[in-house]
C-alpha cells in the first residue's frame, strides 16, 4: 500500500516515518532498510528526498550505509552495555541474582501489557516461540535452548506495544541469554525443576494469548520467583541477601 507524504519538508517527513519504524521495533537494530527506489515508491516521494532523509538518520547515528550493500539500522542501537561491563555483569555471581530481581520487575509488566494489547498475529508469534522451546526439550545444546527462551520473552515484549520495554529487553538480549543459560546449566540434572519451569512457561503463554493481563503478570512472577528459590536451594552458601524476589510476591502492590 502506498503511503502518500504531503509537503512540508518532504525529506524530514520521510525521516520521521523511518524514525518511528526504528522506535517501534519494526526496523530492528541491524535490520536492512528497503532500497531508496522502494522507499520512494512506498512514500510517494522522489529518490533525492529519500536520500536526504537517510543522510539525516545517518547523521543522528541511527543508520549506517554500506557501499553496494544498502542501509542498515545501527547494530549498537540496542546495546546498553560496553563489552567490558557485559563481561563483569555476566561473570559476577551477585549480578546473576540482581538480574533476576530486574527481570521480576520488567517482565511482569511486559507480560501484563502483552496480554492487554497483543494482536492475534503477535499471539501467534508467542505461541510459535513457545513451541520452539518445547521442541528443544531434550536438546543438550544449552546455547540453542537459551536463545529460544529469550526469543519467547522478546515475542512477549513485541506484543506489549511499549517501545521502552521493547528496546530495553532487546538491548539486554545477550545478557538475558547468558543468564538463562546459566540457569539451565544449574538445573540440567534436576528434571523436576525443569518440568516445573515448563509448566510455568505454559501458564504464561496461555494467560497472555487468552488476554488475561493480571494473570499473565502473576504467572511471570511465579516463574521467576521459582527460579530464584530453586537456585538458592542449590546454592545455600550464596552470600547475597536471599529471597528478595520471592518476598516481592507477598509484598503489597504499589
Protein backbone atom coordinates (compact mmCIF):
# COMPACT_ATOMS: atom_id res chain seq x y z
CA UNK A 1 0.00 0.00 0.00
CA UNK A 2 1.34 3.43 -0.97
CA UNK A 3 1.56 5.92 1.89
CA UNK A 4 1.37 9.38 0.37
CA UNK A 5 3.50 12.03 2.07
CA UNK A 6 2.29 15.61 1.82
CA UNK A 7 4.58 18.61 1.54
CA UNK A 8 6.43 20.33 4.36
CA UNK A 9 9.99 19.33 4.08
CA UNK A 10 9.48 16.02 2.38
CA UNK A 11 12.82 14.56 3.42
CA UNK A 12 12.10 15.44 7.07
CA UNK A 13 8.73 13.71 6.90
CA UNK A 14 10.30 10.60 5.41
CA UNK A 15 12.98 10.68 8.12
CA UNK A 16 10.29 10.94 10.81
CA UNK A 17 8.44 7.94 9.40
CA UNK A 18 11.63 5.88 9.35
CA UNK A 19 12.45 7.02 12.89
CA UNK A 20 9.03 5.77 14.00
CA UNK A 21 9.69 2.36 12.43
CA UNK A 22 13.01 2.18 14.28
CA UNK A 23 11.42 3.30 17.54
CA UNK A 24 8.54 0.81 17.48
CA UNK A 25 10.88 -2.04 16.55
CA UNK A 26 9.56 -2.59 13.02
CA UNK A 27 13.11 -1.82 11.88
CA UNK A 28 15.27 -3.60 14.48
CA UNK A 29 18.93 -2.95 15.23
CA UNK A 30 20.95 -4.39 12.35
CA UNK A 31 17.86 -4.52 10.13
CA UNK A 32 18.14 -3.50 6.49
CA UNK A 33 16.07 -0.65 5.10
CA UNK A 34 14.29 -1.03 1.78
CA UNK A 35 16.11 0.42 -1.21
CA UNK A 36 15.84 4.13 -1.99
CA UNK A 37 13.72 3.24 -5.01
CA UNK A 38 11.29 1.14 -2.97
CA UNK A 39 11.06 3.71 -0.19
CA UNK A 40 10.36 6.44 -2.74
CA UNK A 41 7.53 4.34 -4.21
CA UNK A 42 6.13 3.45 -0.78
CA UNK A 43 6.02 7.07 0.37
CA UNK A 44 5.18 8.63 -2.99
CA UNK A 45 8.22 10.91 -2.97
CA UNK A 46 11.35 11.40 -5.04
CA UNK A 47 14.52 9.38 -4.54
CA UNK A 48 16.54 12.53 -3.65
CA UNK A 49 14.07 13.16 -0.79
CA UNK A 50 14.62 9.62 0.47
CA UNK A 51 18.37 10.03 0.10
CA UNK A 52 18.29 13.24 2.16
CA UNK A 53 16.16 11.53 4.82
CA UNK A 54 18.66 8.68 5.10
CA UNK A 55 21.52 11.18 5.38
CA UNK A 56 19.70 12.79 8.29
CA UNK A 57 19.27 9.44 10.05
CA UNK A 58 22.92 8.65 9.38
CA UNK A 59 23.98 11.96 10.96
CA UNK A 60 21.93 11.02 14.03
CA UNK A 61 23.73 7.70 14.27
CA UNK A 62 20.54 5.73 13.65
CA UNK A 63 21.61 4.08 10.40
CA UNK A 64 24.81 3.17 8.58
CA UNK A 65 25.29 2.87 4.84
CA UNK A 66 27.40 0.14 3.30
CA UNK A 67 28.57 0.73 -0.23
CA UNK A 68 26.89 -1.71 -2.58
CA UNK A 69 25.03 -3.44 0.26
CA UNK A 70 22.38 -0.98 1.41
CA UNK A 71 21.41 0.95 4.53
CA UNK A 72 21.10 -0.69 7.94
CA UNK A 73 19.81 0.32 11.35
CA UNK A 74 22.83 0.79 13.61
CA UNK A 75 23.68 -2.53 15.24
CA UNK A 76 24.63 -0.96 18.56
CA UNK A 77 21.33 0.88 18.83
CA UNK A 78 20.06 -1.58 21.44
CA UNK A 79 23.40 -2.24 23.14
CA UNK A 80 23.31 -0.59 26.58
CA UNK A 81 26.48 -2.26 27.85
CA UNK A 82 30.03 -1.92 26.60
CA UNK A 83 31.76 -5.30 26.26
CA UNK A 84 33.94 -4.96 29.41
CA UNK A 85 30.87 -4.14 31.53
CA UNK A 86 28.94 -7.02 29.95
CA UNK A 87 31.76 -9.40 30.94
CA UNK A 88 31.76 -8.08 34.51
CA UNK A 89 28.00 -8.50 34.83
CA UNK A 90 27.95 -11.89 33.16
CA UNK A 91 30.67 -13.30 35.41
CA UNK A 92 29.54 -11.84 38.74
CA UNK A 93 27.55 -14.29 40.93
CA UNK A 94 25.80 -11.41 42.70
CA UNK A 95 24.71 -9.76 39.45
CA UNK A 96 23.00 -13.02 38.47
CA UNK A 97 20.53 -12.52 41.32
CA UNK A 98 20.34 -8.79 40.62
CA UNK A 99 19.29 -9.58 37.06
CA UNK A 100 16.57 -11.90 38.36
CA UNK A 101 15.23 -9.04 40.50
CA UNK A 102 15.36 -6.74 37.49
CA UNK A 103 13.58 -9.30 35.33
CA UNK A 104 10.91 -9.71 38.02
CA UNK A 105 10.04 -6.02 37.72
CA UNK A 106 10.41 -5.71 33.96
CA UNK A 107 8.97 -8.94 32.58
CA UNK A 108 5.92 -8.89 34.83
CA UNK A 109 4.68 -5.59 33.43
CA UNK A 110 5.71 -6.65 29.91
CA UNK A 111 3.55 -9.77 30.21
CA UNK A 112 0.68 -7.66 31.55
CA UNK A 113 0.70 -5.29 28.57
CA UNK A 114 1.23 -8.12 26.07
CA UNK A 115 -1.97 -9.78 27.30
CA UNK A 116 -3.75 -6.43 27.26
CA UNK A 117 -2.58 -5.11 23.87
CA UNK A 118 -1.33 -8.03 21.80
CA UNK A 119 -2.80 -8.70 18.36
CA UNK A 120 -3.83 -12.16 17.05
CA UNK A 121 -0.71 -12.16 14.87
CA UNK A 122 1.52 -11.35 17.84
CA UNK A 123 -0.17 -14.04 19.92
CA UNK A 124 0.67 -16.49 17.11
CA UNK A 125 4.31 -15.38 17.32
CA UNK A 126 4.28 -16.03 21.07
CA UNK A 127 2.78 -19.50 20.53
CA UNK A 128 5.39 -20.33 17.88
CA UNK A 129 8.22 -19.13 20.12
CA UNK A 130 6.83 -21.26 22.94
CA UNK A 131 6.61 -24.33 20.68
CA UNK A 132 10.24 -23.80 19.66
CA UNK A 133 11.22 -24.20 23.32
CA UNK A 134 9.06 -27.33 23.59
CA UNK A 135 10.77 -28.85 20.56
CA UNK A 136 14.15 -28.39 22.26
CA UNK A 137 13.07 -30.11 25.48
CA UNK A 138 15.59 -32.94 25.03
CA UNK A 139 18.33 -30.85 23.45
CA UNK A 140 21.76 -30.75 25.08
CA UNK A 141 22.64 -27.58 23.18
CA UNK A 142 22.01 -25.13 26.00
CA UNK A 143 23.02 -22.14 23.88
CA UNK A 144 20.24 -23.00 21.46
CA UNK A 145 17.71 -23.56 24.24
CA UNK A 146 18.62 -20.29 25.99
CA UNK A 147 18.28 -18.37 22.73
CA UNK A 148 14.83 -19.93 22.18
CA UNK A 149 13.70 -18.99 25.69
CA UNK A 150 14.80 -15.38 25.23
CA UNK A 151 13.13 -15.28 21.81
CA UNK A 152 9.91 -16.21 23.63
CA UNK A 153 10.38 -13.31 26.05
CA UNK A 154 11.10 -10.93 23.18
CA UNK A 155 7.94 -12.05 21.37
CA UNK A 156 6.06 -11.09 24.53
CA UNK A 157 7.83 -7.71 24.54
CA UNK A 158 6.80 -7.14 20.91
CA UNK A 159 3.17 -7.73 21.88
CA UNK A 160 3.36 -5.23 24.76
CA UNK A 161 3.34 -2.29 22.32
CA UNK A 162 5.55 -0.34 24.71
CA UNK A 163 8.66 0.90 22.95
CA UNK A 164 10.57 1.44 26.20
CA UNK A 165 10.04 -2.14 27.34
CA UNK A 166 10.74 -3.49 23.86
CA UNK A 167 14.05 -1.68 23.37
CA UNK A 168 15.22 -2.31 26.91
CA UNK A 169 14.65 -6.05 26.59
CA UNK A 170 16.19 -6.15 23.12
CA UNK A 171 19.19 -4.28 24.48
CA UNK A 172 19.55 -6.87 27.23
CA UNK A 173 19.19 -9.82 24.85
CA UNK A 174 22.76 -11.13 25.14
CA UNK A 175 22.81 -10.73 28.91
CA UNK A 176 19.43 -12.48 29.19
CA UNK A 177 20.66 -15.38 27.06
CA UNK A 178 23.72 -15.70 29.30
CA UNK A 179 21.51 -15.58 32.41
CA UNK A 180 19.08 -18.18 31.09
CA UNK A 181 21.91 -20.48 30.01
CA UNK A 182 23.48 -20.30 33.48
CA UNK A 183 20.15 -21.31 34.98
CA UNK A 184 19.85 -24.19 32.52
CA UNK A 185 23.32 -25.43 33.44
CA UNK A 186 22.41 -25.46 37.14
CA UNK A 187 19.05 -27.16 36.53
CA UNK A 188 20.27 -29.60 33.87
CA UNK A 189 20.28 -32.63 36.17
CA UNK A 190 17.12 -31.64 38.07
CA UNK A 191 14.22 -32.88 35.97
CA UNK A 192 11.55 -31.85 38.48
CA UNK A 193 12.71 -28.22 38.33
CA UNK A 194 12.84 -28.22 34.54
CA UNK A 195 9.35 -29.71 34.35
CA UNK A 196 8.01 -27.04 36.69
CA UNK A 197 9.63 -24.28 34.62
CA UNK A 198 7.97 -25.70 31.51
CA UNK A 199 4.61 -25.63 33.29
CA UNK A 200 5.23 -22.00 34.27
CA UNK A 201 6.03 -21.02 30.69
CA UNK A 202 2.90 -22.83 29.51
CA UNK A 203 0.81 -20.89 32.01
CA UNK A 204 2.47 -17.62 30.99
CA UNK A 205 1.86 -18.25 27.30
CA UNK A 206 -1.77 -19.25 27.83
CA UNK A 207 -2.66 -16.29 30.04
CA UNK A 208 -1.16 -13.87 27.53
CA UNK A 209 -2.80 -15.29 24.41
CA UNK A 210 -6.10 -15.56 26.31
CA UNK A 211 -5.90 -11.85 27.06
CA UNK A 212 -5.63 -12.11 30.86
CA UNK A 213 -3.27 -9.27 31.90
CA UNK A 214 -3.17 -9.70 35.68
CA UNK A 215 -2.97 -13.48 35.44
CA UNK A 216 -0.08 -13.10 32.98
CA UNK A 217 1.79 -10.79 35.34
CA UNK A 218 1.33 -13.21 38.24
CA UNK A 219 2.36 -16.18 36.08
CA UNK A 220 5.60 -14.41 35.20
CA UNK A 221 6.23 -13.52 38.85
CA UNK A 222 5.70 -17.12 39.98
CA UNK A 223 8.05 -18.30 37.25
CA UNK A 224 10.93 -16.01 38.21
CA UNK A 225 10.38 -16.46 41.95
CA UNK A 226 10.56 -20.23 41.47
CA UNK A 227 13.83 -19.86 39.54
CA UNK A 228 15.34 -17.84 42.38
CA UNK A 229 14.03 -20.22 45.04
CA UNK A 230 15.49 -23.20 43.16
CA UNK A 231 18.85 -21.53 42.61
CA UNK A 232 19.13 -20.61 46.29
CA UNK A 233 18.17 -24.12 47.36
CA UNK A 234 21.03 -25.45 45.25
CA UNK A 235 23.41 -22.74 46.45
CA UNK A 236 22.99 -22.42 50.21
CA UNK A 237 26.40 -20.76 50.58
CA UNK A 238 25.45 -17.77 48.48
CA UNK A 239 26.25 -14.63 50.48
CA UNK A 240 23.75 -12.45 48.66
CA UNK A 241 20.73 -11.31 50.69
CA UNK A 242 18.43 -14.21 49.88
CA UNK A 243 14.80 -14.43 48.89
CA UNK A 244 14.43 -10.89 47.57
CA UNK A 245 12.35 -11.83 44.55
CA UNK A 246 10.13 -14.25 46.46
CA UNK A 247 9.44 -11.59 49.10
CA UNK A 248 8.11 -9.34 46.39
CA UNK A 249 5.37 -11.87 45.73
CA UNK A 250 3.89 -11.30 49.17
CA UNK A 251 4.52 -7.56 49.38
CA UNK A 252 1.64 -5.08 48.91
CA UNK A 253 1.09 -3.92 45.32
CA UNK A 254 2.42 -0.48 44.55
